[in-house]
Amino acid sequence: MSLPKESIELLLATGRAQLSVQKGDDGEAFFIRPDGQPVGLKNFFAPTRIKQTVSLASAHSFCEYFKRFASTSSLIFAEFDSDSAKFVAMLDYHTPSPIEDGDNEPDYCEHVAHYETEATPEWKAWLGANRRPMSQVDFATWLEDNLHLFIAPPSDKTAPSGADLLELVKSLHGHQSAQFNTALRLDNGAYTVKYEEAIDVRGTIKSDSLTLPPFIYGGFSLFEGTGPYLVKARLKTRIENRKLVLFFETVALEKTVRDCLELVGKAIEEKTQRAILLGTPTPEKL
């Protein structure tokens, strides 16, 4: 089967017009048609470099991706905020030359991996209740719904166990109609609250007290993909209109978050065998 004369002439003219296959600023191959229009050839040639931006959902995935594609020039940058950390791996970073040479070899910095820490549901539940005053019943319900968050560290003999907290829940629910009078702080930091409660239809009043532990402890992961961490909180109380108001306040909240984020960074350094640089590289490219 022969080609029409016009087609043959077009092919010959195209061939005569080409000096060579060229590459654009983006590295893609192309040629110029006789009418002056460029024709890309990227579908006929393998890419000359990797252009890829990925977002990873865990520190483990971030490290595995880095180890798979990293070169000796690859760098990891990090930016720490008050409640999260962002990690950026620049896999095709510029290559430093020997000191006697002095001319660094540039690269495109277009193969990038991102990872941003994400709070766990447990940590979100804890923060949602932190420093939030609750009624006696509301606090008991919250404790009951979140008993899985709490532990009793051996280092604190006053720390309530799961069974202790469950008993506290029952007591708070059981005395929700009581009238509270005073709340006294004991020498060990615990609170004892005194109350009066009608115990029969004849109006007999019973006076008693309820002792609350000074601290409660959470044992859970703050960020997805990290190990459990001990979170300490003060249990506080006050009486308003003879009703008991309860809340807890996390001890050294900012330090707790910062310590956990630093542990994430150290784990990434250990797994990638690469020191993390504090800062953000070429933000306009990211």
C-alpha atoms as a PDB file:
ATOM      1  CA  MET A   1       0.000   0.000   0.000  1.00  0.00           C
ATOM      2  CA  SER A   2       1.587   3.282  -1.097  1.00  0.00           C
ATOM      3  CA  LEU A   3       1.108   6.653   0.598  1.00  0.00           C
ATOM      4  CA  PRO A   4      -0.427   9.566  -1.266  1.00  0.00           C
ATOM      5  CA  LYS A   5       2.063  11.948  -2.793  1.00  0.00           C
ATOM      6  CA  GLU A   6       0.938  14.756  -0.477  1.00  0.00           C
ATOM      7  CA  SER A   7       1.660  12.634   2.625  1.00  0.00           C
ATOM      8  CA  ILE A   8       5.098  11.696   1.360  1.00  0.00           C
ATOM      9  CA  GLU A   9       5.924  15.325   0.661  1.00  0.00           C
ATOM     10  CA  LEU A  10       4.743  16.318   4.166  1.00  0.00           C
ATOM     11  CA  LEU A  11       6.917  13.675   5.808  1.00  0.00           C
ATOM     12  CA  LEU A  12       9.955  14.662   3.733  1.00  0.00           C
ATOM     13  CA  ALA A  13       9.416  18.334   4.453  1.00  0.00           C
ATOM     14  CA  THR A  14       9.047  17.609   8.164  1.00  0.00           C
ATOM     15  CA  GLY A  15      12.274  15.626   8.159  1.00  0.00           C
ATOM     16  CA  ARG A  16      14.158  18.340   6.299  1.00  0.00           C
ATOM     17  CA  ALA A  17      12.842  21.004   8.673  1.00  0.00           C
ATOM     18  CA  GLN A  18      14.088  19.269  11.816  1.00  0.00           C
ATOM     19  CA  LEU A  19      17.512  20.022  13.135  1.00  0.00           C
ATOM     20  CA  SER A  20      16.975  17.552  15.978  1.00  0.00           C
ATOM     21  CA  VAL A  21      14.572  16.548  18.699  1.00  0.00           C
ATOM     22  CA  GLN A  22      14.724  19.284  21.311  1.00  0.00           C
ATOM     23  CA  LYS A  23      13.941  19.599  25.000  1.00  0.00           C
ATOM     24  CA  GLY A  24      11.927  22.342  26.594  1.00  0.00           C
ATOM     25  CA  ASP A  25      12.603  24.108  29.900  1.00  0.00           C
ATOM     26  CA  ASP A  26      10.563  21.426  31.632  1.00  0.00           C
ATOM     27  CA  GLY A  27      12.774  18.683  30.202  1.00  0.00           C
ATOM     28  CA  GLU A  28      10.102  17.296  27.846  1.00  0.00           C
ATOM     29  CA  ALA A  29      11.158  16.324  24.279  1.00  0.00           C
ATOM     30  CA  PHE A  30       9.463  17.981  21.274  1.00  0.00           C
ATOM     31  CA  PHE A  31       9.928  18.862  17.607  1.00  0.00           C
ATOM     32  CA  ILE A  32       8.688  21.715  15.436  1.00  0.00           C
ATOM     33  CA  ARG A  33       6.294  20.997  12.578  1.00  0.00           C
ATOM     34  CA  PRO A  34       6.799  22.783   9.246  1.00  0.00           C
ATOM     35  CA  ASP A  35       3.987  25.145  10.189  1.00  0.00           C
ATOM     36  CA  GLY A  36       5.933  26.196  13.291  1.00  0.00           C
ATOM     37  CA  GLN A  37       3.781  24.349  15.876  1.00  0.00           C
ATOM     38  CA  PRO A  38       5.615  22.315  18.552  1.00  0.00           C
ATOM     39  CA  VAL A  39       4.660  18.661  18.974  1.00  0.00           C
ATOM     40  CA  GLY A  40       5.375  17.028  22.306  1.00  0.00           C
ATOM     41  CA  LEU A  41       6.989  13.587  22.432  1.00  0.00           C
ATOM     42  CA  LYS A  42       6.575  12.773  26.105  1.00  0.00           C
ATOM     43  CA  ASN A  43       4.407   9.754  25.286  1.00  0.00           C
ATOM     44  CA  PHE A  44       7.273   8.274  23.238  1.00  0.00           C
ATOM     45  CA  PHE A  45      10.145   8.807  25.694  1.00  0.00           C
ATOM     46  CA  ALA A  46      10.590   7.835  29.322  1.00  0.00           C
ATOM     47  CA  PRO A  47      10.499  10.827  31.729  1.00  0.00           C
ATOM     48  CA  THR A  48      13.905  12.353  32.287  1.00  0.00           C
ATOM     49  CA  ARG A  49      13.252  12.911  36.004  1.00  0.00           C
ATOM     50  CA  ILE A  50      10.649  12.276  38.664  1.00  0.00           C
ATOM     51  CA  LYS A  51       8.032  14.989  39.190  1.00  0.00           C
ATOM     52  CA  GLN A  52       5.846  13.813  42.059  1.00  0.00           C
ATOM     53  CA  THR A  53       4.259  15.196  45.214  1.00  0.00           C
ATOM     54  CA  VAL A  54       2.784  12.689  47.662  1.00  0.00           C
ATOM     55  CA  SER A  55       1.076  13.043  51.043  1.00  0.00           C
ATOM     56  CA  LEU A  56       1.594  10.165  53.460  1.00  0.00           C
ATOM     57  CA  ALA A  57      -0.829   9.292  56.257  1.00  0.00           C
ATOM     58  CA  SER A  58       1.655   7.952  58.820  1.00  0.00           C
ATOM     59  CA  ALA A  59       5.242   8.417  59.922  1.00  0.00           C
ATOM     60  CA  HIS A  60       5.948   4.802  58.969  1.00  0.00           C
ATOM     61  CA  SER A  61       4.735   5.346  55.385  1.00  0.00           C
ATOM     62  CA  PHE A  62       6.712   8.598  55.174  1.00  0.00           C
ATOM     63  CA  CYS A  63       9.901   6.817  56.216  1.00  0.00           C
ATOM     64  CA  GLU A  64       9.335   3.885  53.845  1.00  0.00           C
ATOM     65  CA  TYR A  65       8.736   6.226  50.908  1.00  0.00           C
ATOM     66  CA  PHE A  66      11.833   8.228  51.777  1.00  0.00           C
ATOM     67  CA  LYS A  67      14.036   5.128  52.023  1.00  0.00           C
ATOM     68  CA  ARG A  68      12.782   3.851  48.668  1.00  0.00           C
ATOM     69  CA  PHE A  69      13.575   7.012  46.676  1.00  0.00           C
ATOM     70  CA  ALA A  70      16.197   8.908  48.696  1.00  0.00           C
ATOM     71  CA  SER A  71      19.668   9.705  47.423  1.00  0.00           C
ATOM     72  CA  THR A  72      22.638  11.027  49.375  1.00  0.00           C
ATOM     73  CA  SER A  73      21.395  14.550  48.632  1.00  0.00           C
ATOM     74  CA  SER A  74      17.816  14.054  49.859  1.00  0.00           C
ATOM     75  CA  LEU A  75      16.805  16.180  52.844  1.00  0.00           C
ATOM     76  CA  ILE A  76      13.979  16.188  55.395  1.00  0.00           C
ATOM     77  CA  PHE A  77      12.602  19.460  56.752  1.00  0.00           C
ATOM     78  CA  ALA A  78      10.199  19.886  59.678  1.00  0.00           C
ATOM     79  CA  GLU A  79       7.997  22.622  61.080  1.00  0.00           C
ATOM     80  CA  PHE A  80       6.580  22.240  64.599  1.00  0.00           C
ATOM     81  CA  ASP A  81       3.399  24.010  65.701  1.00  0.00           C
ATOM     82  CA  SER A  82       1.668  24.034  69.075  1.00  0.00           C
ATOM     83  CA  ASP A  83      -0.489  21.011  68.227  1.00  0.00           C
ATOM     84  CA  SER A  84       1.037  19.328  65.155  1.00  0.00           C
ATOM     85  CA  ALA A  85       4.178  18.875  63.080  1.00  0.00           C
ATOM     86  CA  LYS A  86       4.729  18.921  59.327  1.00  0.00           C
ATOM     87  CA  PHE A  87       7.516  16.967  57.653  1.00  0.00           C
ATOM     88  CA  VAL A  88       8.669  17.545  54.058  1.00  0.00           C
ATOM     89  CA  ALA A  89      11.128  15.272  52.255  1.00  0.00           C
ATOM     90  CA  MET A  90      12.881  16.836  49.255  1.00  0.00           C
ATOM     91  CA  LEU A  91      14.093  13.736  47.466  1.00  0.00           C
ATOM     92  CA  ASP A  92      15.784  15.450  44.507  1.00  0.00           C
ATOM     93  CA  TYR A  93      17.581  18.154  46.464  1.00  0.00           C
ATOM     94  CA  HIS A  94      20.708  19.966  45.274  1.00  0.00           C
ATOM     95  CA  THR A  95      23.982  18.029  45.509  1.00  0.00           C
ATOM     96  CA  PRO A  96      26.848  19.660  47.397  1.00  0.00           C
ATOM     97  CA  SER A  97      30.231  19.561  45.682  1.00  0.00           C
ATOM     98  CA  PRO A  98      33.597  19.013  47.357  1.00  0.00           C
ATOM     99  CA  ILE A  99      35.011  22.043  49.137  1.00  0.00           C
ATOM    100  CA  GLU A 100      37.837  22.436  46.634  1.00  0.00           C
ATOM    101  CA  ASP A 101      35.316  22.536  43.766  1.00  0.00           C
ATOM    102  CA  GLY A 102      32.886  25.030  45.262  1.00  0.00           C
ATOM    103  CA  ASP A 103      30.177  24.662  42.601  1.00  0.00           C
ATOM    104  CA  ASN A 104      27.092  22.861  43.862  1.00  0.00           C
ATOM    105  CA  GLU A 105      25.131  20.709  41.444  1.00  0.00           C
ATOM    106  CA  PRO A 106      21.540  22.009  41.237  1.00  0.00           C
ATOM    107  CA  ASP A 107      18.498  19.788  41.060  1.00  0.00           C
ATOM    108  CA  TYR A 108      14.819  20.441  40.399  1.00  0.00           C
ATOM    109  CA  CYS A 109      13.369  19.838  43.911  1.00  0.00           C
ATOM    110  CA  GLU A 110      10.198  18.454  42.331  1.00  0.00           C
ATOM    111  CA  HIS A 111      10.018  15.048  44.002  1.00  0.00           C
ATOM    112  CA  VAL A 112       8.431  15.833  47.371  1.00  0.00           C
ATOM    113  CA  ALA A 113       6.837  13.780  50.171  1.00  0.00           C
ATOM    114  CA  HIS A 114       4.674  15.289  52.915  1.00  0.00           C
ATOM    115  CA  TYR A 115       3.571  13.995  56.308  1.00  0.00           C
ATOM    116  CA  GLU A 116       1.562  15.923  58.903  1.00  0.00           C
ATOM    117  CA  THR A 117       0.780  14.473  62.322  1.00  0.00           C
ATOM    118  CA  GLU A 118      -2.882  13.810  63.077  1.00  0.00           C
ATOM    119  CA  ALA A 119      -4.420  13.654  66.538  1.00  0.00           C
ATOM    120  CA  THR A 120      -5.924  10.313  67.555  1.00  0.00           C
ATOM    121  CA  PRO A 121      -9.623  10.034  68.497  1.00  0.00           C
ATOM    122  CA  GLU A 122      -8.513   9.397  72.092  1.00  0.00           C
ATOM    123  CA  TRP A 123      -6.511  12.616  72.249  1.00  0.00           C
ATOM    124  CA  LYS A 124      -9.354  14.570  70.647  1.00  0.00           C
ATOM    125  CA  ALA A 125     -11.777  13.192  73.251  1.00  0.00           C
ATOM    126  CA  TRP A 126      -9.386  14.129  76.053  1.00  0.00           C
ATOM    127  CA  LEU A 127      -8.804  17.663  74.734  1.00  0.00           C
ATOM    128  CA  GLY A 128     -12.539  18.140  74.229  1.00  0.00           C
ATOM    129  CA  ALA A 129     -13.100  17.672  77.950  1.00  0.00           C
ATOM    130  CA  ASN A 130      -9.945  19.359  79.222  1.00  0.00           C
ATOM    131  CA  ARG A 131     -10.792  22.325  81.519  1.00  0.00           C
ATOM    132  CA  ARG A 132     -14.487  22.048  80.620  1.00  0.00           C
ATOM    133  CA  PRO A 133     -16.702  22.339  83.717  1.00  0.00           C
ATOM    134  CA  MET A 134     -19.323  19.581  83.837  1.00  0.00           C
ATOM    135  CA  SER A 135     -22.180  18.794  86.104  1.00  0.00           C
ATOM    136  CA  GLN A 136     -21.940  15.812  88.378  1.00  0.00           C
ATOM    137  CA  VAL A 137     -23.938  13.608  86.004  1.00  0.00           C
ATOM    138  CA  ASP A 138     -22.220  14.863  82.848  1.00  0.00           C
ATOM    139  CA  PHE A 139     -18.795  14.219  84.315  1.00  0.00           C
ATOM    140  CA  ALA A 140     -19.808  10.744  85.442  1.00  0.00           C
ATOM    141  CA  THR A 141     -21.151   9.984  81.971  1.00  0.00           C
ATOM    142  CA  TRP A 142     -17.950  11.233  80.337  1.00  0.00           C
ATOM    143  CA  LEU A 143     -15.819   9.086  82.635  1.00  0.00           C
ATOM    144  CA  GLU A 144     -17.998   6.070  81.931  1.00  0.00           C
ATOM    145  CA  ASP A 145     -17.754   6.568  78.159  1.00  0.00           C
ATOM    146  CA  ASN A 146     -13.977   7.027  78.263  1.00  0.00           C
ATOM    147  CA  LEU A 147     -12.804   4.555  80.895  1.00  0.00           C
ATOM    148  CA  HIS A 148     -10.536   2.983  78.259  1.00  0.00           C
ATOM    149  CA  LEU A 149      -8.389   6.128  78.258  1.00  0.00           C
ATOM    150  CA  PHE A 150      -7.304   5.844  81.885  1.00  0.00           C
ATOM    151  CA  ILE A 151      -4.498   3.965  83.581  1.00  0.00           C
ATOM    152  CA  ALA A 152      -3.034   3.897  87.090  1.00  0.00           C
ATOM    153  CA  PRO A 153       0.757   4.333  86.882  1.00  0.00           C
ATOM    154  CA  PRO A 154       2.692   2.512  89.621  1.00  0.00           C
ATOM    155  CA  SER A 155       4.594   5.733  90.376  1.00  0.00           C
ATOM    156  CA  ASP A 156       1.477   7.357  91.908  1.00  0.00           C
ATOM    157  CA  LYS A 157      -0.166   5.349  94.670  1.00  0.00           C
ATOM    158  CA  THR A 158      -3.126   7.765  94.772  1.00  0.00           C
ATOM    159  CA  ALA A 159      -3.970   7.226  91.100  1.00  0.00           C
ATOM    160  CA  PRO A 160      -7.392   5.606  90.704  1.00  0.00           C
ATOM    161  CA  SER A 161      -7.554   2.286  88.892  1.00  0.00           C
ATOM    162  CA  GLY A 162     -10.223   1.450  86.348  1.00  0.00           C
ATOM    163  CA  ALA A 163     -12.267  -0.151  89.111  1.00  0.00           C
ATOM    164  CA  ASP A 164     -11.864   2.967  91.290  1.00  0.00           C
ATOM    165  CA  LEU A 165     -13.065   5.214  88.488  1.00  0.00           C
ATOM    166  CA  LEU A 166     -16.016   2.927  87.831  1.00  0.00           C
ATOM    167  CA  GLU A 167     -16.932   3.133  91.522  1.00  0.00           C
ATOM    168  CA  LEU A 168     -16.630   6.924  91.330  1.00  0.00           C
ATOM    169  CA  VAL A 169     -18.969   6.914  88.329  1.00  0.00           C
ATOM    170  CA  LYS A 170     -21.516   4.887  90.293  1.00  0.00           C
ATOM    171  CA  SER A 171     -21.231   7.224  93.284  1.00  0.00           C
ATOM    172  CA  LEU A 172     -21.703  10.340  91.172  1.00  0.00           C
ATOM    173  CA  HIS A 173     -24.713   8.844  89.434  1.00  0.00           C
ATOM    174  CA  GLY A 174     -26.104   7.487  92.698  1.00  0.00           C
ATOM    175  CA  HIS A 175     -25.962  10.818  94.515  1.00  0.00           C
ATOM    176  CA  GLN A 176     -27.077  13.112  91.724  1.00  0.00           C
ATOM    177  CA  SER A 177     -29.940  14.443  93.868  1.00  0.00           C
ATOM    178  CA  ALA A 178     -27.650  15.291  96.800  1.00  0.00           C
ATOM    179  CA  GLN A 179     -27.109  18.836  98.033  1.00  0.00           C
ATOM    180  CA  PHE A 180     -23.389  19.621  98.370  1.00  0.00           C
ATOM    181  CA  ASN A 181     -22.113  21.966 101.040  1.00  0.00           C
ATOM    182  CA  THR A 182     -18.318  22.168 101.061  1.00  0.00           C
ATOM    183  CA  ALA A 183     -15.303  20.941  99.141  1.00  0.00           C
ATOM    184  CA  LEU A 184     -12.088  20.558 101.134  1.00  0.00           C
ATOM    185  CA  ARG A 185      -8.647  19.815  99.743  1.00  0.00           C
ATOM    186  CA  LEU A 186      -6.756  17.201 101.752  1.00  0.00           C
ATOM    187  CA  ASP A 187      -3.024  17.072 102.451  1.00  0.00           C
ATOM    188  CA  ASN A 188      -2.444  14.584  99.610  1.00  0.00           C
ATOM    189  CA  GLY A 189      -4.134  16.865  97.082  1.00  0.00           C
ATOM    190  CA  ALA A 190      -7.402  14.925  96.968  1.00  0.00           C
ATOM    191  CA  TYR A 191     -10.761  16.627  97.458  1.00  0.00           C
ATOM    192  CA  THR A 192     -13.463  15.592  99.866  1.00  0.00           C
ATOM    193  CA  VAL A 193     -16.919  17.001  99.224  1.00  0.00           C
ATOM    194  CA  LYS A 194     -19.651  16.918 101.852  1.00  0.00           C
ATOM    195  CA  TYR A 195     -23.275  16.524 100.918  1.00  0.00           C
ATOM    196  CA  GLU A 196     -26.751  16.005 102.340  1.00  0.00           C
ATOM    197  CA  GLU A 197     -29.312  13.687 100.776  1.00  0.00           C
ATOM    198  CA  ALA A 198     -32.879  12.684 101.572  1.00  0.00           C
ATOM    199  CA  ILE A 199     -32.974   8.929 102.157  1.00  0.00           C
ATOM    200  CA  ASP A 200     -36.701   8.248 102.691  1.00  0.00           C
ATOM    201  CA  VAL A 201     -40.118   9.783 102.111  1.00  0.00           C
ATOM    202  CA  ARG A 202     -40.289  11.057 105.700  1.00  0.00           C
ATOM    203  CA  GLY A 203     -37.592  13.581 104.895  1.00  0.00           C
ATOM    204  CA  THR A 204     -34.749  11.936 106.784  1.00  0.00           C
ATOM    205  CA  ILE A 205     -31.512  13.608 105.739  1.00  0.00           C
ATOM    206  CA  LYS A 206     -28.237  11.744 105.525  1.00  0.00           C
ATOM    207  CA  SER A 207     -24.932  13.626 105.636  1.00  0.00           C
ATOM    208  CA  ASP A 208     -21.874  12.054 104.077  1.00  0.00           C
ATOM    209  CA  SER A 209     -18.784  12.872 102.060  1.00  0.00           C
ATOM    210  CA  LEU A 210     -17.263  11.817  98.780  1.00  0.00           C
ATOM    211  CA  THR A 211     -13.499  11.723  98.216  1.00  0.00           C
ATOM    212  CA  LEU A 212     -12.121  12.519  94.779  1.00  0.00           C
ATOM    213  CA  PRO A 213      -8.581  11.579  93.663  1.00  0.00           C
ATOM    214  CA  PRO A 214      -6.104  14.459  93.158  1.00  0.00           C
ATOM    215  CA  PHE A 215      -4.958  13.269  89.731  1.00  0.00           C
ATOM    216  CA  ILE A 216      -6.202  11.118  86.907  1.00  0.00           C
ATOM    217  CA  TYR A 217      -3.965   9.643  84.216  1.00  0.00           C
ATOM    218  CA  GLY A 218      -4.499   8.866  80.567  1.00  0.00           C
ATOM    219  CA  GLY A 219      -2.438   6.279  78.716  1.00  0.00           C
ATOM    220  CA  PHE A 220      -2.924   6.464  74.939  1.00  0.00           C
ATOM    221  CA  SER A 221      -1.346   7.683  71.703  1.00  0.00           C
ATOM    222  CA  LEU A 222      -1.667  11.393  71.056  1.00  0.00           C
ATOM    223  CA  PHE A 223      -0.922  11.130  67.325  1.00  0.00           C
ATOM    224  CA  GLU A 224      -1.713   8.465  64.780  1.00  0.00           C
ATOM    225  CA  GLY A 225       1.064   5.923  64.339  1.00  0.00           C
ATOM    226  CA  THR A 226       2.874   6.760  67.589  1.00  0.00           C
ATOM    227  CA  GLY A 227       3.202   4.863  70.842  1.00  0.00           C
ATOM    228  CA  PRO A 228       1.142   5.465  74.007  1.00  0.00           C
ATOM    229  CA  TYR A 229       2.033   8.374  76.275  1.00  0.00           C
ATOM    230  CA  LEU A 230       1.266   9.103  79.923  1.00  0.00           C
ATOM    231  CA  VAL A 231      -0.989  12.172  80.280  1.00  0.00           C
ATOM    232  CA  LYS A 232      -1.473  13.577  83.769  1.00  0.00           C
ATOM    233  CA  ALA A 233      -4.384  15.786  84.812  1.00  0.00           C
ATOM    234  CA  ARG A 234      -5.531  17.454  88.021  1.00  0.00           C
ATOM    235  CA  LEU A 235      -9.079  16.668  89.059  1.00  0.00           C
ATOM    236  CA  LYS A 236     -10.798  19.820  90.297  1.00  0.00           C
ATOM    237  CA  THR A 237     -14.174  20.627  91.791  1.00  0.00           C
ATOM    238  CA  ARG A 238     -16.336  23.487  92.956  1.00  0.00           C
ATOM    239  CA  ILE A 239     -19.847  23.859  94.330  1.00  0.00           C
ATOM    240  CA  GLU A 240     -22.386  26.125  92.643  1.00  0.00           C
ATOM    241  CA  ASN A 241     -25.867  26.495  94.152  1.00  0.00           C
ATOM    242  CA  ARG A 242     -25.191  23.355  96.196  1.00  0.00           C
ATOM    243  CA  LYS A 243     -24.491  21.411  92.993  1.00  0.00           C
ATOM    244  CA  LEU A 244     -21.186  19.697  92.332  1.00  0.00           C
ATOM    245  CA  VAL A 245     -19.189  20.921  89.324  1.00  0.00           C
ATOM    246  CA  LEU A 246     -16.230  18.818  88.169  1.00  0.00           C
ATOM    247  CA  PHE A 247     -13.481  19.194  85.593  1.00  0.00           C
ATOM    248  CA  PHE A 248      -9.885  18.195  84.972  1.00  0.00           C
ATOM    249  CA  GLU A 249      -6.885  20.205  83.835  1.00  0.00           C
ATOM    250  CA  THR A 250      -4.028  18.557  81.956  1.00  0.00           C
ATOM    251  CA  VAL A 251      -0.679  19.122  83.631  1.00  0.00           C
ATOM    252  CA  ALA A 252       1.911  20.816  81.378  1.00  0.00           C
ATOM    253  CA  LEU A 253      -0.280  20.434  78.297  1.00  0.00           C
ATOM    254  CA  GLU A 254       2.061  22.297  75.939  1.00  0.00           C
ATOM    255  CA  LYS A 255       5.091  20.289  77.098  1.00  0.00           C
ATOM    256  CA  THR A 256       3.182  17.026  76.707  1.00  0.00           C
ATOM    257  CA  VAL A 257       2.345  17.840  73.085  1.00  0.00           C
ATOM    258  CA  ARG A 258       5.850  19.096  72.341  1.00  0.00           C
ATOM    259  CA  ASP A 259       7.456  15.974  73.822  1.00  0.00           C
ATOM    260  CA  CYS A 260       5.248  13.713  71.704  1.00  0.00           C
ATOM    261  CA  LEU A 261       5.987  15.651  68.519  1.00  0.00           C
ATOM    262  CA  GLU A 262       9.708  15.496  69.254  1.00  0.00           C
ATOM    263  CA  LEU A 263       9.391  11.726  69.654  1.00  0.00           C
ATOM    264  CA  VAL A 264       7.833  11.581  66.173  1.00  0.00           C
ATOM    265  CA  GLY A 265      10.788  13.535  64.797  1.00  0.00           C
ATOM    266  CA  LYS A 266      13.333  11.300  66.532  1.00  0.00           C
ATOM    267  CA  ALA A 267      11.604   8.178  65.206  1.00  0.00           C
ATOM    268  CA  ILE A 268      11.764   9.566  61.655  1.00  0.00           C
ATOM    269  CA  GLU A 269      15.460  10.377  62.069  1.00  0.00           C
ATOM    270  CA  GLU A 270      16.185   6.861  63.331  1.00  0.00           C
ATOM    271  CA  LYS A 271      14.280   5.096  60.562  1.00  0.00           C
ATOM    272  CA  THR A 272      15.601   7.243  57.706  1.00  0.00           C
ATOM    273  CA  GLN A 273      19.111   7.735  59.110  1.00  0.00           C
ATOM    274  CA  ARG A 274      18.810  11.371  58.127  1.00  0.00           C
ATOM    275  CA  ALA A 275      18.980  14.450  60.367  1.00  0.00           C
ATOM    276  CA  ILE A 276      15.873  16.641  60.257  1.00  0.00           C
ATOM    277  CA  LEU A 277      16.316  20.320  59.411  1.00  0.00           C
ATOM    278  CA  LEU A 278      13.948  22.794  61.062  1.00  0.00           C
ATOM    279  CA  GLY A 279      12.349  24.981  58.409  1.00  0.00           C
ATOM    280  CA  THR A 280      10.326  24.951  55.192  1.00  0.00           C
ATOM    281  CA  PRO A 281      12.072  24.524  51.810  1.00  0.00           C
ATOM    282  CA  THR A 282      10.999  26.654  48.825  1.00  0.00           C
ATOM    283  CA  PRO A 283       7.362  27.047  50.021  1.00  0.00           C
ATOM    284  CA  GLU A 284       6.248  28.387  46.636  1.00  0.00           C
ATOM    285  CA  LYS A 285       6.927  24.959  45.094  1.00  0.00           C
ATOM    286  CA  LEU A 286       4.994  23.053  47.745  1.00  0.00           C
END
